[in-house]
Amino acid sequence: MSHYSEEEQIASLKAFWEDYGNVILSLLLLASVAFAGWRFWQVHQRKNQEEGAMHFQQVMMDYEQDQAGDAAHNTALQSDAHKLIASQPNSGYANLARWMLARKAVDHGDLNEAAKQLNDVLAHTPNADMAALTHLRLAQVLLAQGQPDAAIKQAQAVTEPAYQASSLELQGDAWVQAQNLAKAHAAYQAAKDALVAAKQPPRPLLNMKMADLGIKPQDVPAQGVPAS
């Protein structure tokens, strides 16, 4: 009986292979190709990361030389940074290069270029911290361009708790520029409260801004910031 069962099992297995052998072989082939593709993708990603790191190191060297006053390295910085961005536009290194270009644009008084680079960072899916910092920097650039409403929108886009005080302080700056002192008062006080809540050190400049408006930090109760 057991011998008959074994023969049955063999026959069943043969029938199975006859019916599904081609399908199984196709699936195995696809799995093999997928695994090979995954390994290739890993190697490709690692290679891209290594190349990005090397390119970014060169951009850093250009940046440091330019900071030291070597004008020739501003041209090199522009060239190398744009090459990195063109080759790996969605990488973290590309966003760091955009940040450097924005910083240099501010140094040279080109606020339009700075805003462009910072908007490009936001368009290429930065991580949460970089997104928050970029919104804050862009808000500062927009304030320097005399665009308080746009600056407020950028500051309000910051949702990370660690940057709330900075966001609120910038909103206060924008309301001052927009000549809405009541909202500026509320924003500055909310920034002060956020510092206390987060156990962050006090900011003397924030206190000076509040004093310039004729108030002491404790004179305005925390009421939140009026909507723009």
Protein backbone atom coordinates (compact mmCIF):
# COMPACT_ATOMS: atom_id res chain seq x y z
CA MET A 1 0.00 0.00 0.00
CA SER A 2 2.82 2.32 0.87
CA HIS A 3 4.53 1.42 -2.45
CA TYR A 4 1.33 2.29 -4.32
CA SER A 5 1.10 5.58 -2.41
CA GLU A 6 4.67 6.43 -3.37
CA GLU A 7 3.92 5.70 -7.03
CA GLU A 8 0.82 7.85 -6.77
CA GLN A 9 2.81 10.68 -5.27
CA ILE A 10 5.42 10.47 -8.04
CA ALA A 11 2.72 10.42 -10.70
CA SER A 12 0.99 13.33 -9.08
CA LEU A 13 4.24 15.26 -8.91
CA LYS A 14 4.96 14.54 -12.58
CA ALA A 15 1.48 15.69 -13.51
CA PHE A 16 1.95 18.82 -11.46
CA TRP A 17 5.20 19.63 -13.26
CA GLU A 18 3.61 18.94 -16.63
CA ASP A 19 0.76 21.28 -15.81
CA TYR A 20 2.66 24.03 -13.98
CA GLY A 21 6.33 23.47 -14.77
CA ASN A 22 6.57 26.33 -17.24
CA VAL A 23 4.82 28.68 -14.83
CA ILE A 24 7.13 27.72 -11.96
CA LEU A 25 10.23 28.10 -14.10
CA SER A 26 9.00 31.51 -15.21
CA LEU A 27 8.40 32.55 -11.60
CA LEU A 28 11.83 31.28 -10.56
CA LEU A 29 13.39 33.17 -13.44
CA LEU A 30 11.52 36.32 -12.47
CA ALA A 31 12.58 35.90 -8.84
CA SER A 32 16.18 35.42 -9.94
CA VAL A 33 16.04 38.51 -12.13
CA ALA A 34 14.38 40.50 -9.34
CA PHE A 35 17.05 39.44 -6.85
CA ALA A 36 19.79 40.31 -9.32
CA GLY A 37 18.08 43.63 -9.97
CA TRP A 38 17.81 44.32 -6.24
CA ARG A 39 21.51 43.57 -5.79
CA PHE A 40 22.33 45.79 -8.78
CA TRP A 41 20.13 48.55 -7.33
CA GLN A 42 21.93 48.28 -3.99
CA VAL A 43 25.33 48.50 -5.67
CA HIS A 44 24.07 51.35 -7.85
CA GLN A 45 22.71 53.21 -4.83
CA ARG A 46 25.94 52.73 -2.92
CA LYS A 47 27.91 53.95 -5.92
CA ASN A 48 25.65 56.99 -6.24
CA GLN A 49 26.04 57.76 -2.54
CA GLU A 50 29.81 57.48 -2.77
CA GLU A 51 29.91 59.69 -5.86
CA GLY A 52 27.56 62.18 -4.20
CA ALA A 53 29.76 62.27 -1.10
CA MET A 54 32.87 62.92 -3.20
CA HIS A 55 31.16 65.66 -5.20
CA PHE A 56 29.81 67.25 -2.03
CA GLN A 57 33.27 67.16 -0.45
CA GLN A 58 34.52 69.19 -3.40
CA VAL A 59 31.64 71.63 -3.01
CA MET A 60 32.53 72.00 0.69
CA MET A 61 36.16 72.74 -0.20
CA ASP A 62 35.04 75.37 -2.72
CA TYR A 63 32.73 76.89 -0.11
CA GLU A 64 35.44 77.08 2.54
CA GLN A 65 37.90 78.65 0.10
CA ASP A 66 35.28 81.17 -0.97
CA GLN A 67 34.57 82.01 2.68
CA ALA A 68 38.28 82.64 3.09
CA GLY A 69 38.05 85.33 0.42
CA ASP A 70 39.32 83.44 -2.61
CA ALA A 71 37.03 84.87 -5.31
CA ALA A 72 38.02 82.22 -7.85
CA HIS A 73 36.42 79.59 -5.66
CA ASN A 74 33.00 81.24 -5.90
CA THR A 75 33.02 80.31 -9.59
CA ALA A 76 34.20 76.81 -8.71
CA LEU A 77 31.52 76.53 -6.03
CA GLN A 78 28.81 77.50 -8.48
CA SER A 79 30.09 75.06 -11.09
CA ASP A 80 30.62 72.08 -8.78
CA ALA A 81 27.36 72.62 -6.88
CA HIS A 82 25.32 72.77 -10.07
CA LYS A 83 27.06 69.65 -11.40
CA LEU A 84 26.14 67.77 -8.22
CA ILE A 85 22.54 68.97 -8.40
CA ALA A 86 22.27 68.01 -12.07
CA SER A 87 23.69 64.52 -11.50
CA GLN A 88 21.70 63.68 -8.34
CA PRO A 89 18.82 66.17 -8.10
CA ASN A 90 16.83 64.19 -5.51
CA SER A 91 19.69 63.36 -3.16
CA GLY A 92 20.36 64.84 0.24
CA TYR A 93 23.72 66.04 -1.07
CA ALA A 94 21.95 68.03 -3.79
CA ASN A 95 19.78 69.74 -1.18
CA LEU A 96 22.86 70.62 0.87
CA ALA A 97 24.43 72.07 -2.27
CA ARG A 98 21.28 74.13 -2.86
CA TRP A 99 21.56 75.39 0.71
CA MET A 100 25.14 76.49 0.09
CA LEU A 101 24.16 78.24 -3.13
CA ALA A 102 21.36 80.02 -1.25
CA ARG A 103 23.80 81.12 1.45
CA LYS A 104 26.27 82.46 -1.10
CA ALA A 105 23.45 84.21 -2.97
CA VAL A 106 22.49 85.99 0.26
CA ASP A 107 26.14 86.91 0.85
CA HIS A 108 26.22 88.49 -2.61
CA GLY A 109 22.87 90.24 -2.20
CA ASP A 110 21.04 88.09 -4.75
CA LEU A 111 17.86 87.40 -2.79
CA ASN A 112 15.95 86.15 -5.83
CA GLU A 113 18.53 83.42 -6.38
CA ALA A 114 18.51 82.57 -2.68
CA ALA A 115 14.72 82.19 -2.72
CA LYS A 116 14.94 80.04 -5.85
CA GLN A 117 17.46 77.65 -4.28
CA LEU A 118 15.47 77.35 -1.05
CA ASN A 119 12.25 76.68 -2.97
CA ASP A 120 14.13 74.01 -4.92
CA VAL A 121 15.10 72.35 -1.63
CA LEU A 122 11.45 72.23 -0.58
CA ALA A 123 10.48 70.83 -3.97
CA HIS A 124 12.87 67.90 -3.58
CA THR A 125 11.45 66.29 -0.44
CA PRO A 126 13.89 67.21 2.30
CA ASN A 127 13.72 65.48 5.67
CA ALA A 128 11.65 67.10 8.41
CA ASP A 129 14.50 69.06 10.00
CA MET A 130 15.82 70.38 6.70
CA ALA A 131 12.29 71.29 5.60
CA ALA A 132 11.71 73.27 8.80
CA LEU A 133 15.03 75.09 8.54
CA THR A 134 14.45 75.81 4.86
CA HIS A 135 11.00 77.30 5.54
CA LEU A 136 12.57 79.51 8.21
CA ARG A 137 15.44 80.64 5.97
CA LEU A 138 13.06 81.30 3.10
CA ALA A 139 10.87 83.36 5.44
CA GLN A 140 13.92 85.46 6.33
CA VAL A 141 14.74 85.98 2.65
CA LEU A 142 11.16 87.01 1.92
CA LEU A 143 11.25 89.48 4.81
CA ALA A 144 14.44 90.96 3.37
CA GLN A 145 12.55 91.33 0.07
CA GLY A 146 9.73 93.17 1.84
CA GLN A 147 7.19 90.36 1.48
CA PRO A 148 5.78 89.90 5.02
CA ASP A 149 2.66 87.98 3.98
CA ALA A 150 4.71 85.39 2.07
CA ALA A 151 7.17 85.21 4.97
CA ILE A 152 4.34 84.47 7.41
CA LYS A 153 3.12 81.60 5.23
CA GLN A 154 6.60 80.07 5.17
CA ALA A 155 7.01 80.44 8.93
CA GLN A 156 3.59 78.92 9.56
CA ALA A 157 4.56 75.90 7.44
CA VAL A 158 6.99 74.85 10.18
CA THR A 159 5.37 72.13 12.28
CA GLU A 160 8.38 70.61 14.06
CA PRO A 161 8.11 71.39 17.80
CA ALA A 162 11.83 72.14 18.09
CA TYR A 163 11.46 75.11 15.71
CA GLN A 164 8.18 76.59 16.96
CA ALA A 165 9.82 79.44 18.86
CA SER A 166 11.81 80.45 15.78
CA SER A 167 8.71 80.21 13.61
CA LEU A 168 6.69 82.41 15.96
CA GLU A 169 9.49 84.95 16.32
CA LEU A 170 9.74 85.23 12.54
CA GLN A 171 5.97 85.67 12.33
CA GLY A 172 6.33 88.51 14.82
CA ASP A 173 9.02 90.10 12.64
CA ALA A 174 6.73 89.83 9.64
CA TRP A 175 3.80 91.39 11.49
CA VAL A 176 6.04 94.29 12.50
CA GLN A 177 6.99 94.77 8.86
CA ALA A 178 3.30 94.60 7.94
CA GLN A 179 2.67 97.26 10.64
CA ASN A 180 0.27 95.05 12.57
CA LEU A 181 1.71 95.53 16.03
CA ALA A 182 -1.07 93.73 17.89
CA LYS A 183 -0.34 90.51 16.02
CA ALA A 184 3.39 91.12 16.42
CA HIS A 185 2.91 91.38 20.20
CA ALA A 186 0.99 88.09 20.27
CA ALA A 187 3.52 86.29 18.07
CA TYR A 188 6.50 87.42 20.13
CA GLN A 189 4.81 86.44 23.37
CA ALA A 190 3.91 83.04 21.91
CA ALA A 191 7.55 82.62 20.88
CA LYS A 192 8.62 83.45 24.43
CA ASP A 193 6.13 80.91 25.81
CA ALA A 194 7.35 78.27 23.35
CA LEU A 195 10.92 78.74 24.56
CA VAL A 196 9.83 78.24 28.16
CA ALA A 197 7.69 75.20 27.31
CA ALA A 198 10.54 73.58 25.37
CA LYS A 199 13.04 74.45 28.13
CA GLN A 200 15.16 76.29 25.61
CA PRO A 201 17.46 79.13 26.69
CA PRO A 202 16.10 82.70 26.56
CA ARG A 203 16.79 84.85 23.52
CA PRO A 204 17.96 88.36 24.40
CA LEU A 205 17.18 89.57 20.87
CA LEU A 206 13.56 88.45 21.24
CA ASN A 207 13.29 90.41 24.48
CA MET A 208 14.77 93.44 22.70
CA LYS A 209 12.19 93.15 19.93
CA MET A 210 9.41 93.05 22.50
CA ALA A 211 10.89 96.01 24.34
CA ASP A 212 11.07 97.96 21.07
CA LEU A 213 7.31 97.54 20.83
CA GLY A 214 6.93 99.00 24.29
CA ILE A 215 6.04 95.79 26.11
CA LYS A 216 7.71 93.48 28.57
CA PRO A 217 7.53 89.71 27.89
CA GLN A 218 5.20 89.16 30.84
CA ASP A 219 2.87 92.04 29.90
CA VAL A 220 1.05 90.06 27.20
CA PRO A 221 -0.68 86.86 28.27
CA ALA A 222 -0.27 83.83 26.03
CA GLN A 223 -3.27 83.82 23.71
CA GLY A 224 -1.91 82.15 20.62
CA VAL A 225 -1.14 83.92 17.39
CA PRO A 226 -4.00 85.47 15.43
CA ALA A 227 -4.45 83.93 12.01
CA SER A 228 -3.03 85.88 9.12
